[in-house]
Protein backbone atom coordinates (compact mmCIF):
# COMPACT_ATOMS: atom_id res chain seq x y z
CA UNK A 1 62.55 -16.93 -41.21
CA UNK A 2 60.94 -14.12 -43.20
CA UNK A 3 61.88 -10.49 -41.51
CA UNK A 4 58.45 -8.09 -41.50
CA UNK A 5 58.46 -4.67 -41.88
CA UNK A 6 55.58 -2.77 -40.81
CA UNK A 7 54.66 0.93 -43.14
CA UNK A 8 52.63 1.99 -39.86
CA UNK A 9 51.79 0.43 -36.70
CA UNK A 10 48.29 -1.14 -36.25
CA UNK A 11 47.48 2.06 -33.68
CA UNK A 12 47.72 4.52 -36.80
CA UNK A 13 45.21 2.75 -39.25
CA UNK A 14 42.04 2.90 -37.06
CA UNK A 15 41.34 3.51 -33.78
CA UNK A 16 38.67 0.85 -33.71
CA UNK A 17 39.46 -2.68 -33.37
CA UNK A 18 38.15 -3.93 -37.18
CA UNK A 19 35.26 -6.71 -37.85
CA UNK A 20 37.58 -7.73 -40.94
CA UNK A 21 40.91 -7.67 -41.75
CA UNK A 22 41.38 -8.26 -45.71
CA UNK A 23 44.78 -9.38 -46.97
CA UNK A 24 46.10 -8.07 -50.52
CA UNK A 25 48.90 -10.08 -51.05
CA UNK A 26 51.51 -8.46 -53.91
CA UNK A 27 54.60 -9.24 -55.78
CA UNK A 28 55.82 -7.34 -58.36
CA UNK A 29 52.61 -5.57 -59.03
CA UNK A 30 53.32 -2.04 -59.28
CA UNK A 31 51.21 -1.39 -62.19
CA UNK A 32 47.91 -2.42 -60.71
CA UNK A 33 48.08 -1.95 -56.84
CA UNK A 34 47.08 1.28 -56.25
CA UNK A 35 44.34 0.97 -58.95
CA UNK A 36 42.82 -1.97 -56.88
CA UNK A 37 43.83 -0.53 -53.42
CA UNK A 38 42.16 2.29 -54.19
CA UNK A 39 39.05 0.38 -55.79
CA UNK A 40 38.95 -1.97 -52.65
CA UNK A 41 39.40 1.19 -50.14
CA UNK A 42 36.52 2.89 -51.93
CA UNK A 43 33.91 -0.43 -51.66
CA UNK A 44 34.72 -1.25 -48.04
CA UNK A 45 34.46 2.50 -46.68
CA UNK A 46 31.07 3.26 -49.39
CA UNK A 47 29.42 -0.19 -49.79
CA UNK A 48 30.64 -2.71 -46.52
CA UNK A 49 28.75 -2.51 -43.67
CA UNK A 50 31.48 -4.13 -41.13
CA UNK A 51 34.53 -2.28 -40.03
CA UNK A 52 37.45 -3.48 -42.21
CA UNK A 53 41.18 -2.86 -42.10
CA UNK A 54 43.09 -3.66 -45.78
CA UNK A 55 46.70 -5.21 -45.41
CA UNK A 56 48.92 -5.33 -48.12
CA UNK A 57 51.12 -7.87 -48.03
CA UNK A 58 54.28 -7.21 -49.79
CA UNK A 59 56.46 -10.70 -50.54
CA UNK A 60 59.63 -9.68 -51.49
CA UNK A 61 59.14 -7.20 -54.26
CA UNK A 62 61.92 -6.04 -56.52
CA UNK A 63 60.06 -3.10 -58.71
CA UNK A 64 58.95 -0.42 -56.26
CA UNK A 65 55.74 -2.19 -55.05
CA UNK A 66 56.58 -2.12 -51.40
CA UNK A 67 57.23 1.79 -51.82
CA UNK A 68 53.99 2.33 -53.40
CA UNK A 69 52.24 0.11 -51.12
CA UNK A 70 53.78 2.48 -48.27
CA UNK A 71 52.47 5.50 -49.60
CA UNK A 72 48.89 3.61 -49.72
CA UNK A 73 49.40 2.67 -46.22
CA UNK A 74 50.69 6.83 -45.51
CA UNK A 75 47.89 8.33 -47.73
CA UNK A 76 44.29 6.04 -46.68
CA UNK A 77 42.84 5.93 -43.50
CA UNK A 78 42.64 1.87 -42.25
CA UNK A 79 45.03 0.91 -44.93
CA UNK A 80 48.58 -0.86 -43.78
CA UNK A 81 51.12 -2.32 -45.46
CA UNK A 82 53.87 -5.25 -44.01
CA UNK A 83 56.77 -6.39 -46.03
CA UNK A 84 58.43 -9.96 -46.29
CA UNK A 85 61.96 -10.49 -47.61
CA UNK A 86 60.73 -13.90 -48.33
CA UNK A 87 58.35 -14.91 -51.21
CA UNK A 88 55.65 -16.81 -51.01
CA UNK A 89 51.45 -15.79 -51.01
CA UNK A 90 51.08 -18.50 -48.28
CA UNK A 91 54.10 -16.86 -46.34
CA UNK A 92 52.46 -13.23 -46.71
CA UNK A 93 49.24 -14.69 -45.88
CA UNK A 94 49.85 -16.62 -42.71
CA UNK A 95 52.15 -12.84 -41.66
CA UNK A 96 49.46 -11.16 -41.67
CA UNK A 97 46.97 -13.21 -40.08
CA UNK A 98 49.23 -13.88 -37.78
CA UNK A 99 49.76 -10.38 -36.31
CA UNK A 100 45.95 -9.48 -37.32
CA UNK A 101 43.67 -8.28 -34.01
CA UNK A 102 40.54 -8.32 -36.02
CA UNK A 103 37.90 -10.88 -35.64
CA UNK A 104 37.77 -12.14 -39.18
CA UNK A 105 40.73 -12.82 -41.35
CA UNK A 106 40.05 -12.76 -44.92
CA UNK A 107 42.29 -12.34 -48.71
CA UNK A 108 41.76 -11.44 -52.45
CA UNK A 109 43.81 -11.32 -54.95
CA UNK A 110 45.46 -8.15 -55.80
CA UNK A 111 43.88 -8.22 -59.44
CA UNK A 112 40.28 -8.24 -58.01
CA UNK A 113 39.13 -11.15 -60.24
CA UNK A 114 36.62 -11.79 -57.88
CA UNK A 115 33.61 -9.47 -57.71
CA UNK A 116 33.50 -7.35 -54.57
CA UNK A 117 29.95 -7.92 -54.06
CA UNK A 118 30.54 -11.49 -52.77
CA UNK A 119 32.50 -10.18 -49.99
CA UNK A 120 29.86 -9.48 -47.56
CA UNK A 121 28.33 -13.29 -48.32
CA UNK A 122 32.17 -14.53 -47.51
CA UNK A 123 32.64 -12.95 -43.91
CA UNK A 124 29.04 -13.04 -42.70
CA UNK A 125 28.71 -16.26 -41.71
CA UNK A 126 32.30 -16.06 -40.23
CA UNK A 127 31.35 -12.70 -37.98
CA UNK A 128 28.00 -14.59 -36.96
CA UNK A 129 29.71 -17.44 -36.01
CA UNK A 130 27.95 -19.71 -38.19
CA UNK A 131 30.77 -20.92 -39.94
CA UNK A 132 34.82 -21.18 -39.41
CA UNK A 133 36.12 -20.98 -42.64
CA UNK A 134 34.70 -19.33 -46.01
CA UNK A 135 35.76 -19.54 -49.44
CA UNK A 136 35.04 -18.33 -52.90
CA UNK A 137 34.58 -20.77 -55.69
CA UNK A 138 34.30 -20.47 -59.16
CA UNK A 139 33.32 -24.49 -59.76
CA UNK A 140 29.94 -24.29 -58.09
CA UNK A 141 26.32 -23.59 -59.74
CA UNK A 142 25.73 -20.16 -59.26
CA UNK A 143 29.46 -19.09 -60.26
CA UNK A 144 29.95 -17.18 -63.05
CA UNK A 145 33.56 -17.32 -64.53
CA UNK A 146 35.46 -15.84 -67.63
CA UNK A 147 38.58 -17.62 -68.37
CA UNK A 148 40.17 -19.62 -71.42
CA UNK A 149 39.15 -23.55 -71.85
CA UNK A 150 42.69 -24.40 -70.96
CA UNK A 151 42.65 -22.84 -67.06
CA UNK A 152 39.34 -24.14 -67.06
CA UNK A 153 40.33 -27.85 -67.59
CA UNK A 154 43.47 -27.51 -64.99
CA UNK A 155 41.00 -26.25 -62.57
CA UNK A 156 38.41 -29.27 -62.40
CA UNK A 157 41.17 -31.13 -62.87
CA UNK A 158 43.28 -30.45 -60.10
CA UNK A 159 40.15 -30.28 -57.37
CA UNK A 160 38.93 -33.26 -58.86
CA UNK A 161 42.39 -35.05 -57.91
CA UNK A 162 42.28 -33.53 -54.66
CA UNK A 163 38.34 -35.39 -54.09
CA UNK A 164 40.27 -38.60 -54.90
CA UNK A 165 43.38 -38.43 -53.53
CA UNK A 166 42.82 -36.20 -49.99
CA UNK A 167 39.40 -37.04 -49.72
CA UNK A 168 38.32 -32.41 -49.90
CA UNK A 169 34.89 -32.24 -50.43
CA UNK A 170 35.12 -28.77 -51.20
CA UNK A 171 34.10 -27.64 -54.78
CA UNK A 172 37.32 -24.76 -54.74
CA UNK A 173 40.62 -24.92 -53.85
CA UNK A 174 42.85 -22.10 -55.08
CA UNK A 175 40.05 -19.29 -55.46
CA UNK A 176 42.20 -16.37 -54.41
CA UNK A 177 39.29 -15.48 -52.16
CA UNK A 178 38.93 -16.70 -48.76
CA UNK A 179 38.41 -15.95 -45.38
CA UNK A 180 38.49 -17.89 -41.53
CA UNK A 181 37.71 -16.59 -37.84
CA UNK A 182 40.82 -15.23 -36.12
CA UNK A 183 40.94 -18.09 -33.24
CA UNK A 184 40.22 -20.67 -36.24
CA UNK A 185 43.17 -19.16 -38.38
CA UNK A 186 45.22 -19.40 -34.93
CA UNK A 187 44.56 -23.01 -34.54
CA UNK A 188 45.09 -23.71 -38.28
CA UNK A 189 48.52 -22.15 -39.12
CA UNK A 190 50.87 -23.46 -37.30
CA UNK A 191 49.10 -27.28 -39.08
CA UNK A 192 49.94 -25.88 -42.48
CA UNK A 193 53.23 -26.51 -43.72
CA UNK A 194 53.48 -24.70 -47.28
CA UNK A 195 54.23 -21.42 -47.78
CA UNK A 196 53.11 -20.87 -51.28
CA UNK A 197 50.90 -21.84 -53.92
CA UNK A 198 49.77 -25.14 -52.09
CA UNK A 199 49.22 -23.14 -48.87
CA UNK A 200 45.39 -22.30 -49.94
CA UNK A 201 44.63 -26.41 -50.22
CA UNK A 202 46.39 -27.93 -47.54
CA UNK A 203 44.31 -25.31 -45.10
CA UNK A 204 41.04 -26.39 -46.34
CA UNK A 205 41.93 -30.05 -45.97
CA UNK A 206 42.85 -29.21 -42.48
CA UNK A 207 40.45 -27.50 -41.83
CA UNK A 208 38.48 -30.60 -43.05
CA UNK A 209 40.19 -33.20 -40.79
CA UNK A 210 39.68 -31.34 -37.87
CA UNK A 211 35.62 -31.05 -38.29
CA UNK A 212 35.33 -27.46 -39.18
CA UNK A 213 32.48 -25.70 -40.76
CA UNK A 214 33.15 -24.35 -44.50
CA UNK A 215 31.03 -22.24 -46.30
CA UNK A 216 31.15 -21.76 -50.00
CA UNK A 217 30.24 -18.48 -51.68
CA UNK A 218 29.52 -18.84 -55.66
CA UNK A 219 31.87 -16.05 -57.00
CA UNK A 220 31.57 -13.70 -60.08
CA UNK A 221 35.33 -14.27 -61.48
CA UNK A 222 37.17 -12.93 -64.32
CA UNK A 223 40.58 -13.84 -65.06
CA UNK A 224 43.63 -11.68 -65.27
CA UNK A 225 45.92 -12.12 -68.37
CA UNK A 226 48.65 -11.00 -66.43
CA UNK A 227 48.97 -13.62 -63.79
CA UNK A 228 51.88 -14.14 -62.27
CA UNK A 229 51.10 -18.17 -61.53
CA UNK A 230 53.53 -20.24 -63.64
CA UNK A 231 51.73 -22.99 -64.45
CA UNK A 232 53.69 -25.96 -64.82
CA UNK A 233 56.29 -25.09 -61.21
CA UNK A 234 52.91 -24.66 -59.39
CA UNK A 235 50.85 -27.95 -60.31
CA UNK A 236 54.50 -29.75 -59.46
CA UNK A 237 54.68 -28.00 -56.60
CA UNK A 238 51.00 -28.92 -55.80
CA UNK A 239 51.22 -32.59 -56.58
CA UNK A 240 54.61 -32.68 -54.23
CA UNK A 241 52.06 -30.91 -51.78
CA UNK A 242 49.65 -33.50 -51.92
CA UNK A 243 51.73 -36.43 -51.58
CA UNK A 244 53.09 -34.61 -48.01
CA UNK A 245 49.70 -34.77 -46.93
CA UNK A 246 48.71 -38.30 -47.98
CA UNK A 247 51.75 -39.48 -46.20
CA UNK A 248 51.47 -36.96 -43.00
CA UNK A 249 47.78 -37.60 -42.77
CA UNK A 250 47.59 -34.61 -40.29
CA UNK A 251 45.24 -33.53 -37.37
CA UNK A 252 42.23 -35.82 -37.02
CA UNK A 253 42.59 -38.06 -40.08
CA UNK A 254 42.06 -41.90 -38.92
CA UNK A 255 44.92 -44.47 -39.07
CA UNK A 256 45.87 -44.63 -42.70
CA UNK A 257 44.65 -47.70 -45.24
CA UNK A 258 47.74 -48.68 -47.21
CA UNK A 259 45.78 -49.85 -50.12
CA UNK A 260 44.31 -46.46 -50.62
CA UNK A 261 47.34 -44.52 -49.94
CA UNK A 262 48.87 -46.53 -52.69
CA UNK A 263 46.18 -45.81 -54.76
CA UNK A 264 46.29 -42.25 -54.43
CA UNK A 265 50.04 -42.22 -55.02
CA UNK A 266 49.30 -43.72 -58.50
CA UNK A 267 46.97 -41.15 -59.39
CA UNK A 268 49.58 -38.38 -58.22
CA UNK A 269 51.94 -39.72 -60.16
CA UNK A 270 49.48 -40.37 -63.23
CA UNK A 271 48.92 -36.59 -62.73
CA UNK A 272 51.99 -35.56 -62.43
CA UNK A 273 53.12 -37.58 -65.82
CA UNK A 274 50.12 -36.44 -67.64
CA UNK A 275 51.52 -32.72 -67.29
CA UNK A 276 54.87 -33.55 -68.50
CA UNK A 277 53.69 -35.57 -71.67
CA UNK A 278 50.97 -32.74 -72.49
CA UNK A 279 53.81 -30.23 -72.62
CA UNK A 280 56.01 -32.89 -74.64
CA UNK A 281 53.10 -33.39 -76.68
CA UNK A 282 52.30 -29.33 -77.82
CA UNK A 283 56.11 -29.30 -78.73
CA UNK A 284 56.31 -32.25 -80.37
CA UNK A 285 53.61 -31.13 -82.30
CA UNK A 286 54.52 -28.05 -83.12
CA UNK A 287 58.04 -29.00 -84.54
CA UNK A 288 56.61 -31.79 -86.78
CA UNK A 289 54.39 -29.39 -88.77
CA UNK A 290 56.37 -28.48 -91.11
CA UNK A 291 57.82 -31.76 -91.75
CA UNK A 292 54.74 -33.70 -91.76
CA UNK A 293 51.42 -31.88 -91.83
CA UNK A 294 48.48 -31.38 -89.15
CA UNK A 295 47.39 -35.00 -89.28
CA UNK A 296 51.11 -36.60 -89.57
CA UNK A 297 52.52 -34.51 -87.06
CA UNK A 298 49.23 -34.96 -84.43
CA UNK A 299 49.40 -38.59 -84.95
CA UNK A 300 53.52 -39.18 -84.15
CA UNK A 301 52.78 -36.64 -81.21
CA UNK A 302 50.43 -38.61 -79.55
CA UNK A 303 51.91 -42.18 -80.06
CA UNK A 304 55.25 -41.12 -79.44
CA UNK A 305 54.20 -39.28 -76.12
CA UNK A 306 51.62 -42.03 -75.13
CA UNK A 307 53.99 -44.92 -75.55
CA UNK A 308 56.81 -42.85 -73.47
CA UNK A 309 53.73 -42.41 -71.19
CA UNK A 310 53.01 -45.99 -70.67
CA UNK A 311 56.59 -46.80 -70.41
CA UNK A 312 56.73 -44.44 -67.53
CA UNK A 313 53.43 -45.76 -66.05
CA UNK A 314 54.98 -49.16 -66.32
CA UNK A 315 57.73 -48.23 -64.35
CA UNK A 316 56.27 -46.66 -61.73
CA UNK A 317 53.38 -48.27 -60.94
CA UNK A 318 53.03 -51.38 -62.19
CA UNK A 319 56.12 -53.18 -60.81
CA UNK A 320 53.77 -55.28 -58.19
CA UNK A 321 51.79 -56.65 -60.81
CA UNK A 322 52.80 -60.30 -62.59
CA UNK A 323 53.07 -60.51 -66.46
CA UNK A 324 49.48 -60.74 -67.30
CA UNK A 325 48.82 -58.37 -65.29
CA UNK A 326 51.02 -55.69 -67.00
CA UNK A 327 49.96 -57.28 -70.67
CA UNK A 328 46.27 -56.09 -69.50
CA UNK A 329 47.18 -52.85 -68.69
CA UNK A 330 49.29 -52.23 -71.61
CA UNK A 331 46.34 -53.22 -73.62
CA UNK A 332 43.95 -51.16 -71.77
CA UNK A 333 46.06 -48.03 -71.62
CA UNK A 334 47.25 -48.62 -75.87
CA UNK A 335 43.01 -48.38 -76.51
CA UNK A 336 42.95 -45.15 -74.27
CA UNK A 337 45.93 -43.84 -76.55
CA UNK A 338 43.54 -44.33 -79.59
CA UNK A 339 41.22 -42.25 -78.00
CA UNK A 340 42.91 -39.60 -77.54
CA UNK A 341 44.31 -39.84 -81.19
CA UNK A 342 40.56 -39.84 -82.57
CA UNK A 343 39.50 -36.94 -80.08
CA UNK A 344 42.38 -34.83 -81.23
CA UNK A 345 42.34 -35.98 -84.95
CA UNK A 346 38.28 -34.56 -85.20
CA UNK A 347 39.44 -31.65 -83.59
CA UNK A 348 42.27 -31.12 -85.78
CA UNK A 349 39.82 -31.56 -88.58
CA UNK A 350 37.50 -29.17 -87.25
CA UNK A 351 40.42 -26.69 -87.00
CA UNK A 352 41.78 -27.46 -90.58
CA UNK A 353 38.10 -26.83 -91.86
CA UNK A 354 37.91 -23.14 -90.46
CA UNK A 355 42.15 -22.40 -91.32
CA UNK A 356 44.10 -25.22 -93.00
CA UNK A 357 47.39 -22.98 -92.69
CA UNK A 358 46.84 -21.56 -89.02
CA UNK A 359 49.63 -23.56 -86.88
CA UNK A 360 48.22 -21.25 -83.99
CA UNK A 361 44.34 -22.56 -84.71
CA UNK A 362 45.62 -25.73 -84.97
CA UNK A 363 47.75 -26.02 -82.25
CA UNK A 364 44.60 -24.42 -80.11
CA UNK A 365 42.37 -26.90 -81.28
CA UNK A 366 44.91 -30.04 -80.19
CA UNK A 367 46.13 -28.65 -77.14
CA UNK A 368 42.16 -28.48 -75.70
CA UNK A 369 41.19 -31.91 -77.19
CA UNK A 370 44.39 -33.80 -75.73
CA UNK A 371 43.50 -32.14 -72.19
CA UNK A 372 39.84 -33.27 -72.48
CA UNK A 373 41.31 -36.84 -73.63
CA UNK A 374 43.92 -36.75 -70.94
CA UNK A 375 40.61 -35.74 -68.30
CA UNK A 376 38.97 -38.79 -69.72
CA UNK A 377 42.11 -40.96 -69.65
CA UNK A 378 42.08 -40.15 -65.78
CA UNK A 379 38.82 -41.00 -64.86
CA UNK A 380 38.70 -44.40 -67.19
CA UNK A 381 42.38 -45.11 -65.47
CA UNK A 382 40.83 -44.70 -62.23
CA UNK A 383 37.63 -46.80 -62.50
CA UNK A 384 38.71 -49.36 -65.05
CA UNK A 385 42.69 -49.84 -65.27
CA UNK A 386 43.76 -49.28 -61.80
CA UNK A 387 40.51 -50.04 -60.30
CA UNK A 388 41.17 -48.22 -57.09
CA UNK A 389 39.15 -48.89 -54.06
CA UNK A 390 38.64 -45.31 -51.99
CA UNK A 391 36.81 -46.91 -48.94
CA UNK A 392 38.40 -45.67 -46.15
CA UNK A 393 37.69 -45.54 -42.55
CA UNK A 394 34.94 -43.18 -41.51
CA UNK A 395 36.09 -39.49 -41.07
CA UNK A 396 35.14 -36.92 -39.18
CA UNK A 397 31.92 -35.65 -40.47
CA UNK A 398 32.38 -32.10 -42.22
CA UNK A 399 29.57 -29.72 -41.91
CA UNK A 400 29.73 -27.61 -45.13
CA UNK A 401 27.20 -24.76 -46.58
CA UNK A 402 26.70 -23.35 -49.65
CA UNK A 403 25.21 -19.58 -49.94
CA UNK A 404 21.37 -19.70 -48.99
CA UNK A 405 21.34 -23.60 -47.84
CA UNK A 406 20.97 -24.96 -44.57
CA UNK A 407 23.93 -26.27 -42.35
CA UNK A 408 24.29 -30.19 -42.63
């Protein structure tokens, strides 16, 4: 169990119990923690109408972040800092929220990617008791997002997978901008197992399963180019977490439908295999470019990775079908492979028309095109190849509201 060190006791960070405790999880953020915390502190002191505390939650930083957090807590009123000796965003949030005395607990990322003007719309329905959980969303109408196409595709693909397999209804799982009423946190935190990046998704899935009301706020969001998130490792861990939730079902969930569970597991396997297949495709294309040129490298990379992908899927998901079923699925998946080849070839042709000698331009074009094709393949595999039956027993209805809408 991680130990916790306080830079200042609760009694020293404000004489009144705050309405909102805003947690800022940090790990090796010595270059930006001071400017971000001061910006947030100025905002809540001048422009935020509720009593607020800022809690810096340092989880095992090794670069001087903790020392700087401690000095900020000593200098700025209503700022405190806690230190954990183990990494994990979920672990930091659990520790900070569990010991808070505020009516509402929230968090935001230290890079302040989310516009602070959304903070009051996030917490107001929690303070009033209108909602149980509130989340910022980058994927709902009204959000304004600045980030690269690859991250956009990954984010939308991930939430689609959550919707299909875990029956989630929220529009964004991983936006670093969330809040809960304290009594809701006390109920949910003991149920959440993950201590890292999947913590957010698991928290929301469990909240829906027990019938809690989730309020969504479309946010202005700008991608941080210095993000500490390791995309490959995070996706792998998220897939593992989703499989765990599928098997455990959790509180409030209906008895499992074996057919739906089997189909959801297949979809998760497809996503995991697709991730590593895409990474292999990028490496193969870059290695073959000097030898075969753009179109030759693309053809060999698409076919090689696609056939390997097909072999893995045949082993993972098709063993329970007869020979005729396997042949049919092979033909269907090879047809989807042709789709990938056509889309990436078109993107490569466009890139080479602009700069025929640039490997970087070609790599960006085919990577984005391959990701888009993978999304289309995913949808077609769901609706055409695997023909899943997602009908399941009725779940506890979840009341969900968006900014400016009436509760349902």
